[in-house]
Amino acid sequence: MLPTLRLASRQPGPWGGNGPPTPEEAARHSLSSANELRCRQLLEATTARYRHREATAAVLVPLCLVHGDPSLLYTLRSSRLVGRHKGDVSFPGGKCDPQDQDIVDTALRETREELGLSIQEENVWGVMKPVDDGKNSIVVPVIAQVGPLESLDLTPNPQEVDDIFTMPLAHLLHPRNQGYTHFCRQGRYSYTLPIFLHGPYRVWGLTAIFTELVLEMLVPGTYRRRVHFAGQPRKGETRA
């Protein structure tokens, strides 16, 4: 049985035109042509630096529109897979193959194999900085605009994907849908990682970090970063 595409419901908020924008207002123009150009320019340096660098794996962060709302497309990895990431929320992606031309090629190939979704390279905005997963693996996120969800013909591989779902950027930007976890080592605070809540599944781990980086890029100044590695937890934070 093929996975069912799930859409996280929006949680609209009023916009009075005064003060900071609501998450809905901030997200509204995030995938506009002007913002795409700005993001592509921001990604030029990291794309040139990391596209051909050796890495362990690459993931594609799919930007899409769901009934006109800017959203991110996620997968739920199959519980039948081998390894510690089975059953986790993720973006499509996987290990680099020696036959891949570069990091972008890895991300596009993995997306095609997992979702049956072929993405043209001109729809790729660029490559972000690699992230160390803490297990000696370097994972590189690749950003691409895949268009309106209604126009996509997704044929997910049931051996790799249990479910597919989307979350609107406005949902992800709302503080009530954000959380974090403090991690300790040897009884002392070590680092903080973000979590995104109240969707079909909890978004956490590397996928939450990639989500956070994309939100910062798309709507600068609206999202407050939760990843924190040095010093003590920020004052005023309460654990989710």
C-alpha atoms as a PDB file:
ATOM      1  CA  MET A   1       0.000   0.000   0.000  1.00  0.00           C
ATOM      2  CA  LEU A   2       1.450   3.367  -1.035  1.00  0.00           C
ATOM      3  CA  PRO A   3       1.898   6.156   1.520  1.00  0.00           C
ATOM      4  CA  THR A   4      -0.769   8.836   1.786  1.00  0.00           C
ATOM      5  CA  LEU A   5       0.221  12.468   1.385  1.00  0.00           C
ATOM      6  CA  ARG A   6      -0.627  14.418   4.532  1.00  0.00           C
ATOM      7  CA  LEU A   7      -1.043  18.179   4.780  1.00  0.00           C
ATOM      8  CA  ALA A   8      -0.536  19.964   8.097  1.00  0.00           C
ATOM      9  CA  SER A   9      -3.414  22.308   8.788  1.00  0.00           C
ATOM     10  CA  ARG A  10      -2.737  26.016   8.869  1.00  0.00           C
ATOM     11  CA  GLN A  11      -3.170  27.974  12.054  1.00  0.00           C
ATOM     12  CA  PRO A  12      -3.993  31.468  10.743  1.00  0.00           C
ATOM     13  CA  GLY A  13      -3.383  34.598  12.741  1.00  0.00           C
ATOM     14  CA  PRO A  14      -4.565  38.179  12.309  1.00  0.00           C
ATOM     15  CA  TRP A  15      -2.415  40.759  10.579  1.00  0.00           C
ATOM     16  CA  GLY A  16      -3.117  44.300  11.660  1.00  0.00           C
ATOM     17  CA  GLY A  17      -0.289  45.977   9.746  1.00  0.00           C
ATOM     18  CA  ASN A  18       1.478  47.252  12.902  1.00  0.00           C
ATOM     19  CA  GLY A  19       4.471  45.715  14.627  1.00  0.00           C
ATOM     20  CA  PRO A  20       6.288  42.611  13.412  1.00  0.00           C
ATOM     21  CA  PRO A  21       4.585  40.501  10.732  1.00  0.00           C
ATOM     22  CA  THR A  22       2.630  37.422  11.649  1.00  0.00           C
ATOM     23  CA  PRO A  23       4.048  34.061  10.505  1.00  0.00           C
ATOM     24  CA  GLU A  24       1.465  34.080   7.715  1.00  0.00           C
ATOM     25  CA  GLU A  25       2.595  37.487   6.487  1.00  0.00           C
ATOM     26  CA  ALA A  26       6.281  36.545   6.760  1.00  0.00           C
ATOM     27  CA  ALA A  27       5.765  33.320   4.802  1.00  0.00           C
ATOM     28  CA  ARG A  28       3.526  34.801   2.119  1.00  0.00           C
ATOM     29  CA  HIS A  29       6.278  36.033  -0.190  1.00  0.00           C
ATOM     30  CA  SER A  30       8.985  33.554   0.794  1.00  0.00           C
ATOM     31  CA  LEU A  31       8.846  31.737  -2.564  1.00  0.00           C
ATOM     32  CA  SER A  32       8.419  34.834  -4.716  1.00  0.00           C
ATOM     33  CA  SER A  33      10.753  35.353  -7.658  1.00  0.00           C
ATOM     34  CA  ALA A  34      12.433  38.265  -5.857  1.00  0.00           C
ATOM     35  CA  ASN A  35      13.087  36.197  -2.735  1.00  0.00           C
ATOM     36  CA  GLU A  36      14.261  33.259  -4.829  1.00  0.00           C
ATOM     37  CA  LEU A  37      16.829  35.517  -6.506  1.00  0.00           C
ATOM     38  CA  ARG A  38      18.004  36.795  -3.127  1.00  0.00           C
ATOM     39  CA  CYS A  39      18.377  33.255  -1.767  1.00  0.00           C
ATOM     40  CA  ARG A  40      20.183  32.030  -4.876  1.00  0.00           C
ATOM     41  CA  GLN A  41      22.663  34.862  -4.460  1.00  0.00           C
ATOM     42  CA  LEU A  42      23.141  33.990  -0.784  1.00  0.00           C
ATOM     43  CA  LEU A  43      23.829  30.376  -1.736  1.00  0.00           C
ATOM     44  CA  GLU A  44      26.317  31.093  -4.508  1.00  0.00           C
ATOM     45  CA  ALA A  45      29.388  30.970  -2.256  1.00  0.00           C
ATOM     46  CA  THR A  46      28.438  27.795  -0.363  1.00  0.00           C
ATOM     47  CA  THR A  47      27.348  26.087  -3.579  1.00  0.00           C
ATOM     48  CA  ALA A  48      30.704  26.821  -5.200  1.00  0.00           C
ATOM     49  CA  ARG A  49      32.539  25.672  -2.083  1.00  0.00           C
ATOM     50  CA  TYR A  50      30.686  22.479  -1.197  1.00  0.00           C
ATOM     51  CA  ARG A  51      29.024  21.184  -4.356  1.00  0.00           C
ATOM     52  CA  HIS A  52      32.052  19.125  -5.366  1.00  0.00           C
ATOM     53  CA  ARG A  53      33.430  18.438  -1.876  1.00  0.00           C
ATOM     54  CA  GLU A  54      33.513  14.919  -0.518  1.00  0.00           C
ATOM     55  CA  ALA A  55      30.593  14.192   1.807  1.00  0.00           C
ATOM     56  CA  THR A  56      28.780  11.208   3.295  1.00  0.00           C
ATOM     57  CA  ALA A  57      25.268  12.038   2.156  1.00  0.00           C
ATOM     58  CA  ALA A  58      23.024  14.714   0.678  1.00  0.00           C
ATOM     59  CA  VAL A  59      19.377  15.603   1.251  1.00  0.00           C
ATOM     60  CA  LEU A  60      16.986  17.655  -0.828  1.00  0.00           C
ATOM     61  CA  VAL A  61      14.905  20.266   0.989  1.00  0.00           C
ATOM     62  CA  PRO A  62      11.832  20.548  -1.281  1.00  0.00           C
ATOM     63  CA  LEU A  63      10.121  23.934  -1.285  1.00  0.00           C
ATOM     64  CA  CYS A  64       6.582  23.715  -2.614  1.00  0.00           C
ATOM     65  CA  LEU A  65       3.189  25.421  -2.723  1.00  0.00           C
ATOM     66  CA  VAL A  66       0.141  23.731  -1.191  1.00  0.00           C
ATOM     67  CA  HIS A  67      -3.042  25.499  -2.322  1.00  0.00           C
ATOM     68  CA  GLY A  68      -0.842  28.577  -2.733  1.00  0.00           C
ATOM     69  CA  ASP A  69       0.788  28.349   0.701  1.00  0.00           C
ATOM     70  CA  PRO A  70       4.628  28.107   0.775  1.00  0.00           C
ATOM     71  CA  SER A  71       5.447  24.769   2.420  1.00  0.00           C
ATOM     72  CA  LEU A  72       8.128  22.145   2.967  1.00  0.00           C
ATOM     73  CA  LEU A  73       7.729  18.548   1.835  1.00  0.00           C
ATOM     74  CA  TYR A  74       8.818  15.800   4.254  1.00  0.00           C
ATOM     75  CA  THR A  75       8.940  12.017   4.237  1.00  0.00           C
ATOM     76  CA  LEU A  76       8.605   9.424   6.972  1.00  0.00           C
ATOM     77  CA  ARG A  77      11.323   6.849   6.474  1.00  0.00           C
ATOM     78  CA  SER A  78      10.156   3.265   6.272  1.00  0.00           C
ATOM     79  CA  SER A  79      10.152   1.315   9.528  1.00  0.00           C
ATOM     80  CA  ARG A  80      11.463  -1.621   7.497  1.00  0.00           C
ATOM     81  CA  LEU A  81      14.761   0.056   6.734  1.00  0.00           C
ATOM     82  CA  VAL A  82      17.943  -1.003   8.509  1.00  0.00           C
ATOM     83  CA  GLY A  83      19.707   1.516  10.721  1.00  0.00           C
ATOM     84  CA  ARG A  84      19.062   4.070  13.429  1.00  0.00           C
ATOM     85  CA  HIS A  85      17.096   6.460  11.196  1.00  0.00           C
ATOM     86  CA  LYS A  86      14.273   4.081  10.256  1.00  0.00           C
ATOM     87  CA  GLY A  87      10.863   5.522  11.047  1.00  0.00           C
ATOM     88  CA  ASP A  88      12.248   9.060  11.319  1.00  0.00           C
ATOM     89  CA  VAL A  89      10.933  12.189   9.652  1.00  0.00           C
ATOM     90  CA  SER A  90      13.378  13.251   6.971  1.00  0.00           C
ATOM     91  CA  PHE A  91      13.895  15.024   3.703  1.00  0.00           C
ATOM     92  CA  PRO A  92      14.518  12.798   0.668  1.00  0.00           C
ATOM     93  CA  GLY A  93      18.186  11.925   0.422  1.00  0.00           C
ATOM     94  CA  GLY A  94      20.843   9.383   1.152  1.00  0.00           C
ATOM     95  CA  LYS A  95      24.437   8.336   0.801  1.00  0.00           C
ATOM     96  CA  CYS A  96      26.640   9.664  -1.967  1.00  0.00           C
ATOM     97  CA  ASP A  97      27.301   7.183  -4.767  1.00  0.00           C
ATOM     98  CA  PRO A  98      30.679   7.080  -6.545  1.00  0.00           C
ATOM     99  CA  GLN A  99      28.794   7.488  -9.817  1.00  0.00           C
ATOM    100  CA  ASP A 100      27.151  10.757  -8.703  1.00  0.00           C
ATOM    101  CA  GLN A 101      28.617  13.798 -10.391  1.00  0.00           C
ATOM    102  CA  ASP A 102      28.356  15.951  -7.267  1.00  0.00           C
ATOM    103  CA  ILE A 103      26.262  16.687  -4.176  1.00  0.00           C
ATOM    104  CA  VAL A 104      23.373  18.085  -6.210  1.00  0.00           C
ATOM    105  CA  ASP A 105      23.327  14.947  -8.347  1.00  0.00           C
ATOM    106  CA  THR A 106      23.141  12.816  -5.179  1.00  0.00           C
ATOM    107  CA  ALA A 107      20.177  14.778  -3.793  1.00  0.00           C
ATOM    108  CA  LEU A 108      18.260  14.702  -7.081  1.00  0.00           C
ATOM    109  CA  ARG A 109      18.936  10.991  -7.619  1.00  0.00           C
ATOM    110  CA  GLU A 110      17.796  10.067  -4.124  1.00  0.00           C
ATOM    111  CA  THR A 111      14.642  12.160  -4.499  1.00  0.00           C
ATOM    112  CA  ARG A 112      13.846  10.426  -7.781  1.00  0.00           C
ATOM    113  CA  GLU A 113      14.412   6.985  -6.229  1.00  0.00           C
ATOM    114  CA  GLU A 114      12.376   7.696  -3.082  1.00  0.00           C
ATOM    115  CA  LEU A 115       9.480   9.756  -4.442  1.00  0.00           C
ATOM    116  CA  GLY A 116       9.534   9.176  -8.185  1.00  0.00           C
ATOM    117  CA  LEU A 117      10.014  12.936  -8.473  1.00  0.00           C
ATOM    118  CA  SER A 118      12.371  14.193 -11.172  1.00  0.00           C
ATOM    119  CA  ILE A 119      13.596  17.731 -10.542  1.00  0.00           C
ATOM    120  CA  GLN A 120      15.313  19.810 -13.181  1.00  0.00           C
ATOM    121  CA  GLU A 121      18.626  21.292 -12.095  1.00  0.00           C
ATOM    122  CA  GLU A 122      17.452  24.807 -12.928  1.00  0.00           C
ATOM    123  CA  ASN A 123      14.963  24.452 -10.052  1.00  0.00           C
ATOM    124  CA  VAL A 124      17.819  23.932  -7.582  1.00  0.00           C
ATOM    125  CA  TRP A 125      18.507  27.148  -5.666  1.00  0.00           C
ATOM    126  CA  GLY A 126      21.834  26.003  -4.245  1.00  0.00           C
ATOM    127  CA  VAL A 127      23.764  24.118  -1.599  1.00  0.00           C
ATOM    128  CA  MET A 128      23.919  25.008   2.091  1.00  0.00           C
ATOM    129  CA  LYS A 129      26.763  24.359   4.517  1.00  0.00           C
ATOM    130  CA  PRO A 130      27.324  20.691   5.448  1.00  0.00           C
ATOM    131  CA  VAL A 131      26.153  19.492   8.856  1.00  0.00           C
ATOM    132  CA  ASP A 132      27.986  16.927  10.982  1.00  0.00           C
ATOM    133  CA  ASP A 133      25.502  14.408  12.375  1.00  0.00           C
ATOM    134  CA  GLY A 134      27.714  13.665  15.377  1.00  0.00           C
ATOM    135  CA  LYS A 135      28.366  10.133  14.097  1.00  0.00           C
ATOM    136  CA  ASN A 136      31.251  10.958  11.743  1.00  0.00           C
ATOM    137  CA  SER A 137      28.901  11.591   8.814  1.00  0.00           C
ATOM    138  CA  ILE A 138      28.783  14.833   6.824  1.00  0.00           C
ATOM    139  CA  VAL A 139      25.357  15.601   5.327  1.00  0.00           C
ATOM    140  CA  VAL A 140      24.866  18.389   2.782  1.00  0.00           C
ATOM    141  CA  PRO A 141      21.424  20.024   2.280  1.00  0.00           C
ATOM    142  CA  VAL A 142      20.407  21.025  -1.249  1.00  0.00           C
ATOM    143  CA  ILE A 143      17.538  23.517  -1.692  1.00  0.00           C
ATOM    144  CA  ALA A 144      15.107  23.217  -4.609  1.00  0.00           C
ATOM    145  CA  GLN A 145      11.716  24.614  -5.601  1.00  0.00           C
ATOM    146  CA  VAL A 146       9.487  21.772  -6.805  1.00  0.00           C
ATOM    147  CA  GLY A 147       6.406  23.866  -7.633  1.00  0.00           C
ATOM    148  CA  PRO A 148       2.720  23.490  -6.685  1.00  0.00           C
ATOM    149  CA  LEU A 149       2.040  20.206  -4.921  1.00  0.00           C
ATOM    150  CA  GLU A 150      -1.117  19.736  -6.972  1.00  0.00           C
ATOM    151  CA  SER A 151       0.995  19.455 -10.138  1.00  0.00           C
ATOM    152  CA  LEU A 152       3.393  16.834  -8.774  1.00  0.00           C
ATOM    153  CA  ASP A 153       3.044  13.165  -9.662  1.00  0.00           C
ATOM    154  CA  LEU A 154       4.529  11.490  -6.590  1.00  0.00           C
ATOM    155  CA  THR A 155       5.106   7.733  -6.706  1.00  0.00           C
ATOM    156  CA  PRO A 156       6.928   6.988  -3.449  1.00  0.00           C
ATOM    157  CA  ASN A 157       8.937   3.818  -3.012  1.00  0.00           C
ATOM    158  CA  PRO A 158       7.168   1.873  -0.227  1.00  0.00           C
ATOM    159  CA  GLN A 159      10.433   0.135   0.625  1.00  0.00           C
ATOM    160  CA  GLU A 160      11.936   3.480   1.636  1.00  0.00           C
ATOM    161  CA  VAL A 161       8.998   5.734   2.522  1.00  0.00           C
ATOM    162  CA  ASP A 162       6.077   5.061   4.879  1.00  0.00           C
ATOM    163  CA  ASP A 163       4.424   8.453   4.506  1.00  0.00           C
ATOM    164  CA  ILE A 164       4.690  11.863   2.849  1.00  0.00           C
ATOM    165  CA  PHE A 165       3.482  15.101   4.373  1.00  0.00           C
ATOM    166  CA  THR A 166       3.843  18.861   4.064  1.00  0.00           C
ATOM    167  CA  MET A 167       4.012  21.662   6.610  1.00  0.00           C
ATOM    168  CA  PRO A 168       3.305  25.308   5.695  1.00  0.00           C
ATOM    169  CA  LEU A 169       6.113  27.744   6.429  1.00  0.00           C
ATOM    170  CA  ALA A 170       3.600  29.830   8.417  1.00  0.00           C
ATOM    171  CA  HIS A 171       2.991  26.805  10.654  1.00  0.00           C
ATOM    172  CA  LEU A 172       6.717  26.222  11.135  1.00  0.00           C
ATOM    173  CA  LEU A 173       7.310  29.913  11.893  1.00  0.00           C
ATOM    174  CA  HIS A 174       4.703  30.125  14.628  1.00  0.00           C
ATOM    175  CA  PRO A 175       6.300  29.960  18.113  1.00  0.00           C
ATOM    176  CA  ARG A 176       3.596  27.639  19.434  1.00  0.00           C
ATOM    177  CA  ASN A 177       4.726  25.015  16.905  1.00  0.00           C
ATOM    178  CA  GLN A 178       8.393  25.257  17.891  1.00  0.00           C
ATOM    179  CA  GLY A 179      10.266  23.530  20.660  1.00  0.00           C
ATOM    180  CA  TYR A 180      13.761  22.435  21.519  1.00  0.00           C
ATOM    181  CA  THR A 181      15.680  19.857  23.491  1.00  0.00           C
ATOM    182  CA  HIS A 182      18.715  20.454  25.681  1.00  0.00           C
ATOM    183  CA  PHE A 183      21.292  17.671  25.563  1.00  0.00           C
ATOM    184  CA  CYS A 184      23.765  16.933  28.350  1.00  0.00           C
ATOM    185  CA  ARG A 185      27.068  15.104  28.369  1.00  0.00           C
ATOM    186  CA  GLN A 186      28.542  13.807  31.601  1.00  0.00           C
ATOM    187  CA  GLY A 187      25.927  15.709  33.573  1.00  0.00           C
ATOM    188  CA  ARG A 188      26.624  19.108  31.983  1.00  0.00           C
ATOM    189  CA  TYR A 189      24.763  21.094  29.329  1.00  0.00           C
ATOM    190  CA  SER A 190      26.231  20.439  25.895  1.00  0.00           C
ATOM    191  CA  TYR A 191      23.930  21.700  23.134  1.00  0.00           C
ATOM    192  CA  THR A 192      20.358  22.556  22.111  1.00  0.00           C
ATOM    193  CA  LEU A 193      18.512  21.350  19.024  1.00  0.00           C
ATOM    194  CA  PRO A 194      15.175  22.496  17.585  1.00  0.00           C
ATOM    195  CA  ILE A 195      11.948  20.530  17.283  1.00  0.00           C
ATOM    196  CA  PHE A 196       8.886  21.419  15.202  1.00  0.00           C
ATOM    197  CA  LEU A 197       5.565  20.235  16.598  1.00  0.00           C
ATOM    198  CA  HIS A 198       1.834  19.908  15.897  1.00  0.00           C
ATOM    199  CA  GLY A 199       2.108  18.499  12.392  1.00  0.00           C
ATOM    200  CA  PRO A 200       1.398  14.917  11.344  1.00  0.00           C
ATOM    201  CA  TYR A 201       4.748  13.957  12.934  1.00  0.00           C
ATOM    202  CA  ARG A 202       7.384  15.582  15.106  1.00  0.00           C
ATOM    203  CA  VAL A 203      10.268  17.064  13.101  1.00  0.00           C
ATOM    204  CA  TRP A 204      13.531  16.691  14.992  1.00  0.00           C
ATOM    205  CA  GLY A 205      17.239  15.793  14.632  1.00  0.00           C
ATOM    206  CA  LEU A 206      19.093  16.738  11.462  1.00  0.00           C
ATOM    207  CA  THR A 207      15.819  17.329   9.643  1.00  0.00           C
ATOM    208  CA  ALA A 208      14.857  19.998  12.186  1.00  0.00           C
ATOM    209  CA  ILE A 209      18.286  21.616  11.816  1.00  0.00           C
ATOM    210  CA  PHE A 210      17.890  21.740   8.024  1.00  0.00           C
ATOM    211  CA  THR A 211      14.374  23.140   8.483  1.00  0.00           C
ATOM    212  CA  GLU A 212      15.712  25.829  10.782  1.00  0.00           C
ATOM    213  CA  LEU A 213      18.476  26.843   8.366  1.00  0.00           C
ATOM    214  CA  VAL A 214      15.986  27.125   5.506  1.00  0.00           C
ATOM    215  CA  LEU A 215      13.559  29.209   7.573  1.00  0.00           C
ATOM    216  CA  GLU A 216      16.368  31.608   8.491  1.00  0.00           C
ATOM    217  CA  MET A 217      17.290  31.961   4.835  1.00  0.00           C
ATOM    218  CA  LEU A 218      13.742  32.369   3.504  1.00  0.00           C
ATOM    219  CA  VAL A 219      12.430  34.782   6.128  1.00  0.00           C
ATOM    220  CA  PRO A 220      15.425  36.467   7.784  1.00  0.00           C
ATOM    221  CA  GLY A 221      14.676  38.079  11.114  1.00  0.00           C
ATOM    222  CA  THR A 222      11.436  36.175  11.659  1.00  0.00           C
ATOM    223  CA  TYR A 223      12.722  32.841  12.967  1.00  0.00           C
ATOM    224  CA  ARG A 224      14.969  32.685  16.045  1.00  0.00           C
ATOM    225  CA  ARG A 225      17.618  29.989  15.804  1.00  0.00           C
ATOM    226  CA  ARG A 226      17.389  27.186  18.371  1.00  0.00           C
ATOM    227  CA  VAL A 227      20.644  25.356  17.592  1.00  0.00           C
ATOM    228  CA  HIS A 228      23.089  26.262  20.340  1.00  0.00           C
ATOM    229  CA  PHE A 229      26.378  24.545  21.122  1.00  0.00           C
ATOM    230  CA  ALA A 230      28.407  26.854  23.347  1.00  0.00           C
ATOM    231  CA  GLY A 231      27.831  28.172  26.851  1.00  0.00           C
ATOM    232  CA  GLN A 232      24.614  27.711  28.784  1.00  0.00           C
ATOM    233  CA  PRO A 233      20.983  27.534  27.570  1.00  0.00           C
ATOM    234  CA  ARG A 234      19.554  30.933  26.728  1.00  0.00           C
ATOM    235  CA  LYS A 235      17.753  32.768  29.476  1.00  0.00           C
ATOM    236  CA  GLY A 236      14.008  32.768  29.308  1.00  0.00           C
ATOM    237  CA  GLU A 237      13.751  29.499  27.373  1.00  0.00           C
ATOM    238  CA  THR A 238      11.430  26.789  28.608  1.00  0.00           C
ATOM    239  CA  ARG A 239      11.780  23.238  27.491  1.00  0.00           C
ATOM    240  CA  ALA A 240       9.171  21.870  25.105  1.00  0.00           C
END
